[in-house]
C-alpha cells in the first residue's frame, strides 16, 4: 500500500510518501518546524515529496492526515487538503491523532508502566491521553489540568510530549520517566499508523478537545435594517 501522509496540526508542517510493499517499498519525507504558515508551505512540500518518491497521485492507495489535538488553523489546512485529494482521487482518507502518533514513537514496548502523552495547552491545561507501553490506547483523549493529573496518575507512569516536563514536575516524577519531550508527531509515525487504520473508524474529522478562543465580534457591528 502506498500512502500520502500530511501533518499540519502543530508547529511542524510535513508530508511523506510511504509504501510498505515488498517490491515497491519506499519512504520519502519533507518537513519543517514553522510554527505558522502551513497553508503557504504544504502544497510545495507535497509536490516535492511526490517527486522524490517518483509517485503520481493516481498511484496512491489512501491519504493520511493528522486530526489533532492541535491548532485550529493548522488542522483546517491539513484536513482540507487531504479531503480534497481524497475526493478528486476517489481514495479513502484516514485521520490519525497527534497523541497516537507521538505515542507510537515514544512507547517503550517493554511491557512496563503506561505512557501518558501530554501536549501543552492554556495555563495549567494539557491535552493528553494514556497508552500502554506498546502504544495502544487505554484511555480517552481529553483536556486536564496539571493539578488534576497529579491527583490521579500512577506515580510510575511514563511521560511524553511537550508538556511531559510540566506533568513530571507536578507528579514529582523521576527524570527517567520522561521518555520524550517532542511537541509534534513524526510524519513517518503518522504514515505507518495510516497504513493499518480502518477508514470506517478513523474519520478525517478534527479532534479539537476544547472550543475555539475566538468569539463573535459585536463591537462596531452594523445592524441590518
N, C-alpha and C. Protein backbone atom coordinates (compact mmCIF):
# COMPACT_ATOMS: atom_id res chain seq x y z
N UNK A 1 0.84 -1.19 0.00
CA UNK A 1 0.00 0.00 0.00
C UNK A 1 0.88 1.25 0.00
N UNK A 2 0.50 2.22 -0.82
CA UNK A 2 1.25 3.48 -0.88
C UNK A 2 0.36 4.62 -0.40
N UNK A 3 0.86 5.38 0.58
CA UNK A 3 0.05 6.44 1.17
C UNK A 3 0.78 7.77 1.11
N UNK A 4 0.00 8.82 1.05
CA UNK A 4 0.49 10.19 1.25
C UNK A 4 0.07 10.61 2.64
N UNK A 5 1.03 11.00 3.49
CA UNK A 5 0.73 11.44 4.85
C UNK A 5 0.97 12.93 4.97
N UNK A 6 0.10 13.59 5.71
CA UNK A 6 0.14 15.06 5.87
C UNK A 6 0.01 15.39 7.35
N UNK A 7 0.85 16.30 7.82
CA UNK A 7 0.73 16.78 9.20
C UNK A 7 0.89 18.29 9.25
N UNK A 8 -0.16 18.98 9.68
CA UNK A 8 -0.12 20.44 9.88
C UNK A 8 -0.72 20.81 11.22
N UNK A 9 -0.79 19.84 12.13
CA UNK A 9 -1.58 20.03 13.34
C UNK A 9 -0.93 20.94 14.38
N UNK A 10 0.40 20.95 14.43
CA UNK A 10 1.10 21.71 15.47
C UNK A 10 2.18 22.57 14.82
N UNK A 11 3.33 22.70 15.46
CA UNK A 11 4.36 23.60 14.94
C UNK A 11 5.01 23.09 13.66
N UNK A 12 4.94 21.77 13.44
CA UNK A 12 5.58 21.19 12.27
C UNK A 12 4.64 21.20 11.07
N UNK A 13 5.24 21.27 9.88
CA UNK A 13 4.49 21.10 8.64
C UNK A 13 5.24 20.03 7.87
N UNK A 14 4.57 18.94 7.52
CA UNK A 14 5.29 17.81 6.92
C UNK A 14 4.40 17.02 5.99
N UNK A 15 5.05 16.37 5.03
CA UNK A 15 4.37 15.46 4.11
C UNK A 15 5.31 14.29 3.85
N UNK A 16 4.74 13.14 3.59
CA UNK A 16 5.55 11.95 3.33
C UNK A 16 4.81 11.00 2.41
N UNK A 17 5.57 10.22 1.65
CA UNK A 17 5.03 9.10 0.88
C UNK A 17 5.65 7.84 1.44
N UNK A 18 4.80 6.89 1.81
CA UNK A 18 5.27 5.62 2.36
C UNK A 18 4.61 4.48 1.62
N UNK A 19 5.43 3.50 1.20
CA UNK A 19 4.94 2.29 0.56
C UNK A 19 5.53 1.11 1.31
N UNK A 20 4.68 0.20 1.77
CA UNK A 20 5.16 -0.96 2.52
C UNK A 20 5.19 -2.24 1.70
N UNK A 21 5.08 -2.11 0.38
CA UNK A 21 5.10 -3.30 -0.47
C UNK A 21 6.48 -3.93 -0.53
N UNK A 22 6.51 -5.25 -0.66
CA UNK A 22 7.79 -5.98 -0.67
C UNK A 22 8.67 -5.55 -1.85
N UNK A 23 8.05 -5.29 -3.00
CA UNK A 23 8.82 -4.94 -4.19
C UNK A 23 8.80 -3.45 -4.49
N UNK A 24 7.95 -2.71 -3.81
CA UNK A 24 7.79 -1.28 -4.13
C UNK A 24 8.10 -0.38 -2.94
N UNK A 25 8.70 -0.96 -1.89
CA UNK A 25 8.90 -0.21 -0.63
C UNK A 25 9.67 1.08 -0.85
N UNK A 26 9.18 2.15 -0.25
CA UNK A 26 9.88 3.43 -0.29
C UNK A 26 9.38 4.31 0.84
N UNK A 27 10.19 5.28 1.20
CA UNK A 27 9.76 6.30 2.15
C UNK A 27 10.49 7.59 1.83
N UNK A 28 9.73 8.65 1.61
CA UNK A 28 10.28 9.98 1.39
C UNK A 28 9.50 10.96 2.25
N UNK A 29 10.20 11.91 2.85
CA UNK A 29 9.53 12.89 3.69
C UNK A 29 10.13 14.28 3.50
N UNK A 30 9.29 15.27 3.72
CA UNK A 30 9.71 16.67 3.75
C UNK A 30 9.01 17.29 4.94
N UNK A 31 9.75 18.01 5.76
CA UNK A 31 9.13 18.64 6.93
C UNK A 31 9.95 19.80 7.44
N UNK A 32 9.26 20.70 8.12
CA UNK A 32 9.92 21.87 8.68
C UNK A 32 9.11 22.37 9.87
N UNK A 33 9.78 22.71 10.95
CA UNK A 33 9.11 23.29 12.11
C UNK A 33 8.94 24.78 11.84
N UNK A 34 7.72 25.18 11.50
CA UNK A 34 7.49 26.55 11.05
C UNK A 34 6.61 27.36 12.00
N UNK A 35 5.91 26.70 12.90
CA UNK A 35 5.02 27.42 13.81
C UNK A 35 3.72 27.82 13.13
N UNK A 36 3.82 28.75 12.16
CA UNK A 36 2.66 29.20 11.40
C UNK A 36 2.97 29.16 9.91
N UNK A 37 1.94 29.40 9.10
CA UNK A 37 2.14 29.46 7.67
C UNK A 37 2.04 28.12 6.97
N UNK A 38 1.30 27.18 7.56
CA UNK A 38 1.16 25.85 6.96
C UNK A 38 0.52 25.93 5.56
N UNK A 39 -0.45 26.80 5.40
CA UNK A 39 -1.15 26.90 4.12
C UNK A 39 -0.21 27.29 2.99
N UNK A 40 0.78 28.13 3.31
CA UNK A 40 1.71 28.60 2.29
C UNK A 40 2.76 27.54 1.93
N UNK A 41 3.03 26.60 2.81
CA UNK A 41 4.13 25.65 2.60
C UNK A 41 3.66 24.25 2.21
N UNK A 42 2.47 23.87 2.60
CA UNK A 42 2.08 22.46 2.48
C UNK A 42 2.09 21.95 1.05
N UNK A 43 1.47 22.65 0.12
CA UNK A 43 1.36 22.14 -1.24
C UNK A 43 2.73 21.98 -1.90
N UNK A 44 3.65 22.89 -1.61
CA UNK A 44 5.01 22.75 -2.14
C UNK A 44 5.67 21.50 -1.58
N UNK A 45 5.47 21.24 -0.29
CA UNK A 45 6.05 20.05 0.33
C UNK A 45 5.47 18.78 -0.28
N UNK A 46 4.17 18.77 -0.52
CA UNK A 46 3.55 17.60 -1.13
C UNK A 46 4.11 17.36 -2.53
N UNK A 47 4.22 18.42 -3.31
CA UNK A 47 4.78 18.29 -4.65
C UNK A 47 6.21 17.76 -4.61
N UNK A 48 6.98 18.26 -3.65
CA UNK A 48 8.37 17.84 -3.53
C UNK A 48 8.48 16.36 -3.15
N UNK A 49 7.68 15.93 -2.17
CA UNK A 49 7.80 14.55 -1.70
C UNK A 49 7.25 13.57 -2.74
N UNK A 50 6.23 13.97 -3.48
CA UNK A 50 5.71 13.10 -4.53
C UNK A 50 6.75 12.92 -5.64
N UNK A 51 7.47 14.00 -5.95
CA UNK A 51 8.52 13.90 -6.97
C UNK A 51 9.67 13.04 -6.48
N UNK A 52 10.08 13.21 -5.22
CA UNK A 52 11.18 12.42 -4.66
C UNK A 52 10.85 10.94 -4.64
N UNK A 53 9.58 10.63 -4.43
CA UNK A 53 9.15 9.22 -4.40
C UNK A 53 8.76 8.69 -5.77
N UNK A 54 8.89 9.55 -6.80
CA UNK A 54 8.51 9.17 -8.17
C UNK A 54 7.09 8.60 -8.19
N UNK A 55 6.19 9.32 -7.52
CA UNK A 55 4.82 8.85 -7.35
C UNK A 55 3.83 9.80 -8.01
N UNK A 56 2.94 9.26 -8.82
CA UNK A 56 1.82 10.04 -9.34
C UNK A 56 0.66 9.94 -8.34
N UNK A 57 -0.18 10.94 -8.32
CA UNK A 57 -1.30 10.90 -7.38
C UNK A 57 -2.19 9.69 -7.62
N UNK A 58 -2.27 9.25 -8.85
CA UNK A 58 -3.09 8.07 -9.16
C UNK A 58 -2.49 6.78 -8.59
N UNK A 59 -1.20 6.84 -8.18
CA UNK A 59 -0.55 5.66 -7.59
C UNK A 59 -0.89 5.49 -6.11
N UNK A 60 -1.47 6.50 -5.49
CA UNK A 60 -1.76 6.45 -4.06
C UNK A 60 -2.95 5.53 -3.77
N UNK A 61 -2.86 4.83 -2.65
CA UNK A 61 -3.98 3.99 -2.21
C UNK A 61 -4.86 4.69 -1.18
N UNK A 62 -4.27 5.60 -0.43
CA UNK A 62 -5.04 6.38 0.54
C UNK A 62 -4.24 7.61 0.95
N UNK A 63 -4.94 8.53 1.61
CA UNK A 63 -4.33 9.73 2.16
C UNK A 63 -4.49 9.70 3.67
N UNK A 64 -3.44 10.05 4.38
CA UNK A 64 -3.43 10.02 5.84
C UNK A 64 -3.19 11.45 6.34
N UNK A 65 -3.93 11.86 7.36
CA UNK A 65 -3.79 13.23 7.86
C UNK A 65 -3.97 13.26 9.38
N UNK A 66 -3.21 14.11 10.04
CA UNK A 66 -3.39 14.28 11.48
C UNK A 66 -4.65 15.10 11.75
N UNK A 67 -5.38 14.70 12.80
CA UNK A 67 -6.68 15.32 13.09
C UNK A 67 -6.68 16.09 14.41
N UNK A 68 -5.54 16.14 15.11
CA UNK A 68 -5.47 16.86 16.36
C UNK A 68 -5.31 15.92 17.54
N UNK A 69 -5.26 16.50 18.73
CA UNK A 69 -5.39 17.92 19.02
C UNK A 69 -4.25 18.74 18.43
N UNK A 70 -4.58 19.99 18.13
CA UNK A 70 -3.62 20.90 17.53
C UNK A 70 -4.25 22.26 17.34
N UNK A 71 -3.61 23.08 16.53
CA UNK A 71 -4.13 24.43 16.30
C UNK A 71 -5.32 24.37 15.35
N UNK A 72 -6.30 25.24 15.57
CA UNK A 72 -7.48 25.27 14.72
C UNK A 72 -7.09 25.54 13.27
N UNK A 73 -6.25 26.54 13.06
CA UNK A 73 -5.87 26.92 11.70
C UNK A 73 -5.08 25.82 11.02
N UNK A 74 -4.08 25.28 11.71
CA UNK A 74 -3.27 24.23 11.13
C UNK A 74 -4.08 23.00 10.76
N UNK A 75 -4.96 22.59 11.65
CA UNK A 75 -5.79 21.41 11.37
C UNK A 75 -6.68 21.62 10.16
N UNK A 76 -7.25 22.79 10.03
CA UNK A 76 -8.12 23.07 8.89
C UNK A 76 -7.35 22.96 7.58
N UNK A 77 -6.11 23.43 7.58
CA UNK A 77 -5.29 23.37 6.36
C UNK A 77 -5.08 21.92 5.94
N UNK A 78 -4.57 21.10 6.85
CA UNK A 78 -4.27 19.71 6.51
C UNK A 78 -5.50 18.92 6.14
N UNK A 79 -6.56 19.08 6.91
CA UNK A 79 -7.78 18.32 6.65
C UNK A 79 -8.42 18.73 5.32
N UNK A 80 -8.40 20.00 5.00
CA UNK A 80 -8.99 20.45 3.74
C UNK A 80 -8.22 19.87 2.55
N UNK A 81 -6.91 19.90 2.62
CA UNK A 81 -6.09 19.37 1.53
C UNK A 81 -6.29 17.87 1.40
N UNK A 82 -6.24 17.15 2.52
CA UNK A 82 -6.40 15.69 2.48
C UNK A 82 -7.76 15.29 1.93
N UNK A 83 -8.81 15.95 2.40
CA UNK A 83 -10.15 15.62 1.91
C UNK A 83 -10.28 15.94 0.42
N UNK A 84 -9.65 17.05 0.01
CA UNK A 84 -9.70 17.42 -1.40
C UNK A 84 -9.06 16.35 -2.27
N UNK A 85 -7.88 15.88 -1.87
CA UNK A 85 -7.22 14.81 -2.62
C UNK A 85 -8.09 13.55 -2.65
N UNK A 86 -8.65 13.21 -1.50
CA UNK A 86 -9.48 12.01 -1.44
C UNK A 86 -10.67 12.09 -2.37
N UNK A 87 -11.29 13.26 -2.43
CA UNK A 87 -12.46 13.45 -3.29
C UNK A 87 -12.09 13.35 -4.76
N UNK A 88 -11.02 14.03 -5.14
CA UNK A 88 -10.60 14.05 -6.55
C UNK A 88 -10.10 12.68 -7.00
N UNK A 89 -9.35 12.01 -6.13
CA UNK A 89 -8.75 10.72 -6.50
C UNK A 89 -9.68 9.54 -6.28
N UNK A 90 -10.74 9.77 -5.50
CA UNK A 90 -11.64 8.65 -5.18
C UNK A 90 -10.98 7.64 -4.26
N UNK A 91 -10.10 8.12 -3.37
CA UNK A 91 -9.37 7.25 -2.46
C UNK A 91 -9.74 7.56 -1.01
N UNK A 92 -9.67 6.58 -0.11
CA UNK A 92 -10.03 6.83 1.29
C UNK A 92 -9.05 7.79 1.96
N UNK A 93 -9.57 8.56 2.90
CA UNK A 93 -8.76 9.47 3.72
C UNK A 93 -8.94 9.03 5.17
N UNK A 94 -7.84 8.78 5.87
CA UNK A 94 -7.92 8.35 7.26
C UNK A 94 -7.27 9.39 8.17
N UNK A 95 -7.84 9.55 9.36
CA UNK A 95 -7.32 10.51 10.33
C UNK A 95 -6.56 9.81 11.45
N UNK A 96 -5.44 10.39 11.82
CA UNK A 96 -4.60 9.88 12.90
C UNK A 96 -4.41 10.99 13.93
N UNK A 97 -4.60 10.68 15.20
CA UNK A 97 -4.43 11.73 16.21
C UNK A 97 -2.95 12.00 16.46
N UNK A 98 -2.65 13.23 16.80
CA UNK A 98 -1.27 13.59 17.13
C UNK A 98 -0.79 12.82 18.35
N UNK A 99 -1.69 12.57 19.29
CA UNK A 99 -1.32 11.86 20.52
C UNK A 99 -0.90 10.43 20.21
N UNK A 100 -1.65 9.76 19.32
CA UNK A 100 -1.33 8.38 18.97
C UNK A 100 -0.01 8.29 18.22
N UNK A 101 0.25 9.27 17.35
CA UNK A 101 1.50 9.24 16.59
C UNK A 101 2.71 9.49 17.49
N UNK A 102 2.57 10.41 18.44
CA UNK A 102 3.66 10.64 19.40
C UNK A 102 3.87 9.40 20.26
N UNK A 103 2.77 8.77 20.67
CA UNK A 103 2.88 7.56 21.49
C UNK A 103 3.58 6.44 20.72
N UNK A 104 3.31 6.35 19.44
CA UNK A 104 3.93 5.29 18.64
C UNK A 104 5.45 5.40 18.67
N UNK A 105 5.95 6.63 18.59
CA UNK A 105 7.40 6.84 18.60
C UNK A 105 7.99 6.70 19.99
N UNK A 106 7.22 7.09 21.02
CA UNK A 106 7.78 7.17 22.37
C UNK A 106 7.58 5.91 23.21
N UNK A 107 6.57 5.11 22.87
CA UNK A 107 6.24 3.96 23.71
C UNK A 107 7.42 3.00 23.83
N UNK A 108 7.82 2.65 25.05
CA UNK A 108 9.00 1.80 25.25
C UNK A 108 8.84 0.36 24.76
N UNK A 109 7.60 -0.13 24.63
CA UNK A 109 7.33 -1.51 24.17
C UNK A 109 8.05 -2.55 25.02
N UNK A 110 8.08 -2.32 26.32
CA UNK A 110 8.76 -3.26 27.22
C UNK A 110 7.81 -3.94 28.19
N UNK A 111 6.51 -3.69 28.01
CA UNK A 111 5.53 -4.30 28.90
C UNK A 111 5.47 -3.66 30.27
N UNK A 112 6.14 -2.52 30.43
CA UNK A 112 6.18 -1.86 31.74
C UNK A 112 5.02 -0.89 31.94
N UNK A 113 5.30 0.19 32.64
CA UNK A 113 4.27 1.16 33.00
C UNK A 113 3.68 1.83 31.77
N UNK A 114 2.44 2.30 31.92
CA UNK A 114 1.76 3.00 30.84
C UNK A 114 2.48 4.31 30.50
N UNK A 115 2.05 4.87 29.35
CA UNK A 115 2.62 6.12 28.85
C UNK A 115 1.51 7.17 28.75
N UNK A 116 1.76 8.36 29.26
CA UNK A 116 0.85 9.49 29.08
C UNK A 116 1.49 10.45 28.09
N UNK A 117 0.79 10.70 26.99
CA UNK A 117 1.23 11.73 26.04
C UNK A 117 0.49 13.01 26.40
N UNK A 118 1.24 14.07 26.66
CA UNK A 118 0.65 15.32 27.11
C UNK A 118 1.21 16.49 26.30
N UNK A 119 0.32 17.28 25.72
CA UNK A 119 0.70 18.44 24.94
C UNK A 119 0.29 19.71 25.68
N UNK A 120 1.12 20.72 25.59
CA UNK A 120 0.89 21.97 26.31
C UNK A 120 -0.38 22.66 25.82
N UNK A 121 -1.23 23.05 26.78
CA UNK A 121 -2.43 23.80 26.47
C UNK A 121 -2.35 25.21 27.04
N UNK A 122 -3.48 25.75 27.44
CA UNK A 122 -3.51 27.09 28.01
C UNK A 122 -3.38 27.03 29.52
N UNK A 123 -2.51 27.85 30.08
CA UNK A 123 -2.34 27.86 31.52
C UNK A 123 -1.90 26.51 32.04
N UNK A 124 -2.69 25.97 32.97
CA UNK A 124 -2.38 24.65 33.55
C UNK A 124 -2.97 23.50 32.74
N UNK A 125 -3.64 23.81 31.64
CA UNK A 125 -4.28 22.76 30.86
C UNK A 125 -3.27 22.00 29.99
N UNK A 126 -3.52 20.71 29.84
CA UNK A 126 -2.77 19.90 28.88
C UNK A 126 -3.76 19.03 28.11
N UNK A 127 -3.42 18.75 26.86
CA UNK A 127 -4.19 17.81 26.04
C UNK A 127 -3.49 16.47 26.18
N UNK A 128 -4.19 15.47 26.61
CA UNK A 128 -3.48 14.24 26.95
C UNK A 128 -4.31 12.99 26.70
N UNK A 129 -3.58 11.86 26.66
CA UNK A 129 -4.21 10.55 26.51
C UNK A 129 -3.24 9.50 27.02
N UNK A 130 -3.79 8.47 27.61
CA UNK A 130 -2.96 7.40 28.18
C UNK A 130 -2.89 6.22 27.22
N UNK A 131 -1.68 5.63 27.13
CA UNK A 131 -1.42 4.50 26.25
C UNK A 131 -0.68 3.42 27.04
N UNK A 132 -0.75 2.20 26.53
CA UNK A 132 0.05 1.13 27.12
C UNK A 132 1.51 1.31 26.70
N UNK A 133 2.39 0.48 27.25
CA UNK A 133 3.81 0.54 26.90
C UNK A 133 4.04 0.14 25.44
N UNK A 134 3.03 -0.45 24.80
CA UNK A 134 3.13 -0.82 23.39
C UNK A 134 2.47 0.21 22.48
N UNK A 135 2.02 1.31 23.06
CA UNK A 135 1.42 2.37 22.26
C UNK A 135 -0.04 2.19 21.97
N UNK A 136 -0.70 1.24 22.62
CA UNK A 136 -2.13 1.02 22.42
C UNK A 136 -2.94 1.95 23.33
N UNK A 137 -4.02 2.49 22.80
CA UNK A 137 -4.87 3.40 23.57
C UNK A 137 -5.48 2.68 24.77
N UNK A 138 -5.41 3.31 25.95
CA UNK A 138 -6.09 2.73 27.12
C UNK A 138 -6.85 3.79 27.91
N UNK A 139 -7.15 4.91 27.26
CA UNK A 139 -7.93 5.97 27.89
C UNK A 139 -8.33 6.99 26.84
N UNK A 140 -9.39 7.73 27.11
CA UNK A 140 -9.87 8.73 26.16
C UNK A 140 -8.97 9.96 26.15
N UNK A 141 -8.88 10.61 25.00
CA UNK A 141 -8.18 11.89 24.91
C UNK A 141 -9.03 12.96 25.58
N UNK A 142 -8.38 13.90 26.23
CA UNK A 142 -9.12 14.96 26.91
C UNK A 142 -8.24 16.11 27.32
N UNK A 143 -8.88 17.12 27.90
CA UNK A 143 -8.17 18.28 28.44
C UNK A 143 -8.19 18.15 29.96
N UNK A 144 -7.01 18.14 30.56
CA UNK A 144 -6.89 18.02 32.02
C UNK A 144 -5.97 19.11 32.54
N UNK A 145 -6.11 19.44 33.81
CA UNK A 145 -5.18 20.38 34.42
C UNK A 145 -4.02 19.60 35.04
N UNK A 146 -2.90 20.28 35.20
CA UNK A 146 -1.74 19.63 35.82
C UNK A 146 -2.08 19.15 37.22
N UNK A 147 -2.84 19.94 37.96
CA UNK A 147 -3.20 19.56 39.33
C UNK A 147 -4.07 18.31 39.33
N UNK A 148 -5.00 18.24 38.40
CA UNK A 148 -5.88 17.07 38.29
C UNK A 148 -5.06 15.82 37.98
N UNK A 149 -4.13 15.94 37.03
CA UNK A 149 -3.29 14.80 36.68
C UNK A 149 -2.44 14.34 37.85
N UNK A 150 -1.94 15.31 38.61
CA UNK A 150 -1.10 14.96 39.76
C UNK A 150 -1.87 14.15 40.79
N UNK A 151 -3.18 14.34 40.84
CA UNK A 151 -4.01 13.63 41.83
C UNK A 151 -4.49 12.27 41.36
N UNK A 152 -4.40 12.00 40.05
CA UNK A 152 -5.00 10.75 39.57
C UNK A 152 -4.03 9.82 38.84
N UNK A 153 -2.89 10.31 38.43
CA UNK A 153 -1.97 9.45 37.68
C UNK A 153 -1.15 8.57 38.61
N UNK A 154 -0.88 7.33 38.18
CA UNK A 154 0.01 6.48 38.98
C UNK A 154 1.42 7.05 38.98
N UNK A 155 2.13 6.91 40.07
CA UNK A 155 3.45 7.54 40.22
C UNK A 155 4.48 7.01 39.23
N UNK A 156 4.31 5.79 38.76
CA UNK A 156 5.32 5.22 37.87
C UNK A 156 5.08 5.47 36.40
N UNK A 157 4.02 6.21 36.06
CA UNK A 157 3.66 6.37 34.65
C UNK A 157 4.78 7.09 33.89
N UNK A 158 4.97 6.71 32.64
CA UNK A 158 5.96 7.37 31.81
C UNK A 158 5.31 8.47 30.99
N UNK A 159 6.11 9.44 30.58
CA UNK A 159 5.57 10.68 30.03
C UNK A 159 6.23 11.03 28.70
N UNK A 160 5.43 11.59 27.80
CA UNK A 160 5.94 12.05 26.51
C UNK A 160 5.16 13.28 26.08
N UNK A 161 5.76 14.08 25.20
CA UNK A 161 5.07 15.25 24.67
C UNK A 161 5.62 16.55 25.23
N UNK A 162 5.14 17.66 24.67
CA UNK A 162 5.66 18.98 25.04
C UNK A 162 5.37 19.35 26.49
N UNK A 163 4.35 18.74 27.10
CA UNK A 163 4.01 19.02 28.50
C UNK A 163 4.57 17.98 29.46
N UNK A 164 5.41 17.07 28.97
CA UNK A 164 5.92 16.00 29.83
C UNK A 164 6.68 16.56 31.03
N UNK A 165 7.49 17.57 30.81
CA UNK A 165 8.27 18.17 31.88
C UNK A 165 7.37 18.77 32.95
N UNK A 166 6.33 19.47 32.52
CA UNK A 166 5.41 20.10 33.46
C UNK A 166 4.64 19.06 34.28
N UNK A 167 4.18 18.00 33.61
CA UNK A 167 3.46 16.94 34.32
C UNK A 167 4.40 16.26 35.31
N UNK A 168 5.62 16.00 34.88
CA UNK A 168 6.60 15.35 35.77
C UNK A 168 6.86 16.19 37.01
N UNK A 169 6.93 17.51 36.84
CA UNK A 169 7.15 18.39 37.98
C UNK A 169 6.02 18.31 38.99
N UNK A 170 4.78 18.26 38.50
CA UNK A 170 3.62 18.15 39.40
C UNK A 170 3.57 16.79 40.10
N UNK A 171 3.98 15.75 39.38
CA UNK A 171 3.95 14.40 39.93
C UNK A 171 5.11 14.12 40.87
N UNK A 172 6.18 14.91 40.72
CA UNK A 172 7.41 14.57 41.42
C UNK A 172 8.05 13.34 40.80
N UNK A 173 7.90 13.21 39.48
CA UNK A 173 8.38 12.03 38.77
C UNK A 173 9.89 12.05 38.61
N UNK A 174 10.47 10.88 38.50
CA UNK A 174 11.91 10.75 38.27
C UNK A 174 12.22 11.14 36.83
N UNK A 175 13.42 11.67 36.56
CA UNK A 175 13.78 12.09 35.20
C UNK A 175 13.62 10.99 34.17
N UNK A 176 13.91 9.75 34.56
CA UNK A 176 13.83 8.66 33.59
C UNK A 176 12.40 8.31 33.18
N UNK A 177 11.40 8.87 33.88
CA UNK A 177 10.01 8.65 33.47
C UNK A 177 9.65 9.45 32.23
N UNK A 178 10.42 10.48 31.91
CA UNK A 178 10.18 11.26 30.69
C UNK A 178 10.91 10.56 29.55
N UNK A 179 10.15 10.01 28.62
CA UNK A 179 10.77 9.28 27.51
C UNK A 179 10.86 10.12 26.24
N UNK A 180 10.11 11.22 26.17
CA UNK A 180 10.18 12.11 25.01
C UNK A 180 9.59 13.47 25.38
N UNK A 181 10.20 14.52 24.85
CA UNK A 181 9.69 15.88 25.04
C UNK A 181 9.21 16.48 23.73
N UNK A 182 9.09 15.66 22.70
CA UNK A 182 8.72 16.14 21.37
C UNK A 182 7.32 16.74 21.38
N UNK A 183 7.19 17.91 20.76
CA UNK A 183 5.91 18.61 20.76
C UNK A 183 5.06 18.40 19.53
N UNK A 184 5.49 17.52 18.62
CA UNK A 184 4.69 17.22 17.44
C UNK A 184 5.03 15.81 16.96
N UNK A 185 4.13 15.19 16.20
CA UNK A 185 4.37 13.81 15.77
C UNK A 185 5.37 13.73 14.63
N UNK A 186 6.07 12.61 14.53
CA UNK A 186 6.90 12.35 13.36
C UNK A 186 6.03 11.92 12.19
N UNK A 187 6.34 12.43 11.02
CA UNK A 187 5.48 12.14 9.87
C UNK A 187 5.53 10.66 9.49
N UNK A 188 6.65 9.98 9.76
CA UNK A 188 6.69 8.54 9.46
C UNK A 188 5.73 7.79 10.37
N UNK A 189 5.66 8.18 11.64
CA UNK A 189 4.71 7.53 12.54
C UNK A 189 3.27 7.74 12.10
N UNK A 190 2.98 8.96 11.62
CA UNK A 190 1.64 9.24 11.09
C UNK A 190 1.35 8.33 9.90
N UNK A 191 2.32 8.22 8.99
CA UNK A 191 2.12 7.40 7.79
C UNK A 191 1.95 5.93 8.14
N UNK A 192 2.76 5.41 9.05
CA UNK A 192 2.69 3.99 9.39
C UNK A 192 1.39 3.65 10.12
N UNK A 193 0.92 4.54 10.96
CA UNK A 193 -0.38 4.32 11.59
C UNK A 193 -1.49 4.35 10.54
N UNK A 194 -1.31 5.21 9.55
CA UNK A 194 -2.31 5.33 8.49
C UNK A 194 -2.40 4.10 7.60
N UNK A 195 -1.32 3.34 7.49
CA UNK A 195 -1.33 2.12 6.68
C UNK A 195 -2.33 1.10 7.20
N UNK A 196 -2.45 1.01 8.51
CA UNK A 196 -3.29 -0.03 9.12
C UNK A 196 -4.61 0.49 9.67
N UNK A 197 -4.81 1.80 9.62
CA UNK A 197 -6.05 2.38 10.16
C UNK A 197 -7.25 1.94 9.34
N UNK A 198 -8.36 1.70 10.02
CA UNK A 198 -9.62 1.34 9.38
C UNK A 198 -10.34 2.61 8.95
N UNK A 199 -10.53 2.84 7.65
CA UNK A 199 -11.20 4.08 7.21
C UNK A 199 -12.57 4.27 7.82
N UNK A 200 -13.24 3.18 8.16
CA UNK A 200 -14.58 3.29 8.73
C UNK A 200 -14.55 3.81 10.17
N UNK A 201 -13.40 3.66 10.84
CA UNK A 201 -13.28 4.07 12.24
C UNK A 201 -12.32 5.23 12.45
N UNK A 202 -11.56 5.59 11.43
CA UNK A 202 -10.55 6.66 11.54
C UNK A 202 -10.93 7.81 10.63
N UNK A 203 -11.98 8.49 11.00
CA UNK A 203 -12.52 9.57 10.18
C UNK A 203 -11.57 10.78 10.14
N UNK A 204 -11.44 11.44 8.99
CA UNK A 204 -10.65 12.66 8.92
C UNK A 204 -11.44 13.86 9.44
N UNK A 205 -11.81 13.77 10.71
CA UNK A 205 -12.57 14.84 11.37
C UNK A 205 -11.73 15.42 12.50
N UNK A 206 -11.76 16.72 12.70
CA UNK A 206 -10.87 17.35 13.68
C UNK A 206 -11.18 16.92 15.12
N UNK A 207 -10.11 16.67 15.88
CA UNK A 207 -10.22 16.36 17.30
C UNK A 207 -9.74 17.60 18.05
N UNK A 208 -10.67 18.50 18.34
CA UNK A 208 -10.30 19.78 18.95
C UNK A 208 -10.14 19.70 20.46
N UNK A 209 -10.96 18.94 21.16
CA UNK A 209 -10.96 18.76 22.61
C UNK A 209 -11.44 19.97 23.39
N UNK A 210 -11.29 21.18 22.86
CA UNK A 210 -11.81 22.37 23.54
C UNK A 210 -12.32 23.34 22.49
N UNK A 211 -13.28 24.22 22.83
CA UNK A 211 -13.82 25.16 21.85
C UNK A 211 -12.79 26.22 21.47
N UNK A 212 -12.98 26.88 20.32
CA UNK A 212 -12.04 27.92 19.90
C UNK A 212 -12.05 29.09 20.85
N UNK A 213 -10.91 29.82 20.90
CA UNK A 213 -10.82 31.00 21.76
C UNK A 213 -11.54 32.21 21.16
N UNK A 214 -11.70 32.21 19.85
CA UNK A 214 -12.32 33.35 19.19
C UNK A 214 -13.80 33.44 19.56
N UNK A 215 -14.29 34.66 19.68
CA UNK A 215 -15.71 34.88 19.96
C UNK A 215 -16.27 35.83 18.92
N UNK A 216 -17.57 35.75 18.67
CA UNK A 216 -18.16 36.62 17.64
C UNK A 216 -17.94 38.09 17.96
N UNK A 217 -17.62 38.85 16.93
CA UNK A 217 -17.41 40.28 17.11
C UNK A 217 -18.74 40.98 17.28
N UNK A 218 -18.83 41.85 18.28
CA UNK A 218 -20.07 42.61 18.49
C UNK A 218 -19.82 44.11 18.38
N UNK A 219 -18.64 44.53 18.87
CA UNK A 219 -18.32 45.96 18.86
C UNK A 219 -18.12 46.44 17.41
N UNK A 220 -18.77 47.52 17.06
CA UNK A 220 -18.60 48.08 15.74
C UNK A 220 -19.42 47.42 14.67
N UNK A 221 -20.26 46.46 15.07
CA UNK A 221 -21.08 45.76 14.08
C UNK A 221 -22.25 46.65 13.67
N UNK A 222 -22.49 46.67 12.37
CA UNK A 222 -23.62 47.47 11.85
C UNK A 222 -24.83 46.56 11.70
N UNK A 223 -25.88 46.88 12.39
CA UNK A 223 -27.09 46.07 12.31
C UNK A 223 -27.83 46.35 11.00
N UNK A 224 -28.29 45.26 10.39
CA UNK A 224 -29.09 45.41 9.18
C UNK A 224 -30.49 45.88 9.54
N UNK A 225 -31.02 46.77 8.73
CA UNK A 225 -32.36 47.29 8.96
C UNK A 225 -33.37 46.47 8.16
